[in-house]
Amino acid sequence: MNKYKGVWTAMITPFNEDGSIDWRSFDNLVERQVEAKVTGIIINGTTGESPTITDEECIDLIKRAKEKVADKCLIMAGTGTNNTKKSVEKTKSAEEAGADIVLLVNPYYNKPTQNGLYLHFKAIAESTSLPVFLYNIKGRTGVNLETDTLKKLANEVKNIVGVKEASGDLNQIKAVCELGLEDFVILSGDDNITLEIIKSYGADGVISVASNIVPSDMVSMVGSALKKDYTKAEEVNTKLADLFKILFIETNPIPVKYASYKMGLCQNIYRLPMCKIGEENGKQVEAVLEQMNIIK
C-alpha cells in the first residue's frame, strides 16, 4: 500500500467564460502536479466542483489526465453519489476511462443508517476491480461513517484499501488509525491537521487542497513527516499555516480557485452555485499569497 501514501492533490476544474472546461489550463495544472512528484491527483472531487460536472465531462477529465500523466502519478476519480446504482455506473465508467482508484463519498442528503452506508459502499466496491477509497466528510454529507462500519468494510471488502478522513474529529481519526488494519491507507482530508495526525497517530498522507497552490511544499512536508523528519516537516507546516487558513475563508473551492487565478493558472470562473469570492476575502487571499512570495 506504500504507493498510495503521500500527497494527493484534489484538483480544481478550470472553466472558460462560456462555462466549458478549459482544457489548456487543465493540462498545465496536471503537468504542474506531475513535476512536483505528487502521489496522485483527484479528478471530480469536491475541489473540482464535482456536483456541477456532468458524467460525460468526468470521463473526459479522467481520459485527459491519464493521457497527460501516463504512469508518472496515480489518478483517483470521485465516483460516489447518494444513489448506489448511479455510483456503480460512474465507477464502471471511470474504470473504463483509465482511473487507477475511485473515491466514494458518504451518500449526502438522504442520511442512510450505518447499515445503509455499509451496503452502499460494499455494492459499489464489488462492482469494480479498482481499489476503493472511502471519503468520510460529515460536514458536507450530513452523515458520519462510524469507525466500526469502516472497520467492517475494510475487513470484508478486499478492494476497499483506504479512507479520506475529513470528519474533522481528531478523536475519530485517532480511533481509525488505531484500528491497525493491514494494508489500509489513512489520508487526511484537512491540510491544517495533516502533520499532526501523521506524527501523532500514524496517518499516511493527505488529499490536499493547498497542493493546488504549493505542490512541492506539500510533498516536502508530508514526505519529511512520513520519514519521521519532524523538524523539517514542522518548518514547512509553519510556513504554510496562513495559506491553510485562507484557503477556507469561503467555501472550498472558491478561495483556492481564486488563488490559482491570481497565479495565472486558470480563469476566475465557477459553475453556480459556486461563485466568485467576496471582495474583502479576495484581498485577504492575495495578501497571504504576496506574503509568501507566490504572487507579486
Foldseek 3Di string as FASTA:
>chain_A
DLLPFAEEEADAFFADPVGHTDLVLLLVLLVVLLVLQTQYYEQLDVLNVNVPQDLVNSLVSLLSSCVNCVVSHAYEYEQAELDLVSSLVSLVSSVVSPHQEYEYEQHADVADDLVVSLVSVLSNLVSDPHAYEYEAACVGGVYGNALVSVVVNVVPRPRPAEYADAPVDPVRLLVNLVVPRPNHAYAYAALLCRLVCCQPRNHRYYHDHCCSQVVNLRRQLNVCSNVVVNVSNVVSSVLCVLVSVLCVPDPHPQLSLLLCVQLVSHPNDDDPPDHHDDPVSSVSSVVSCVVSVSHD
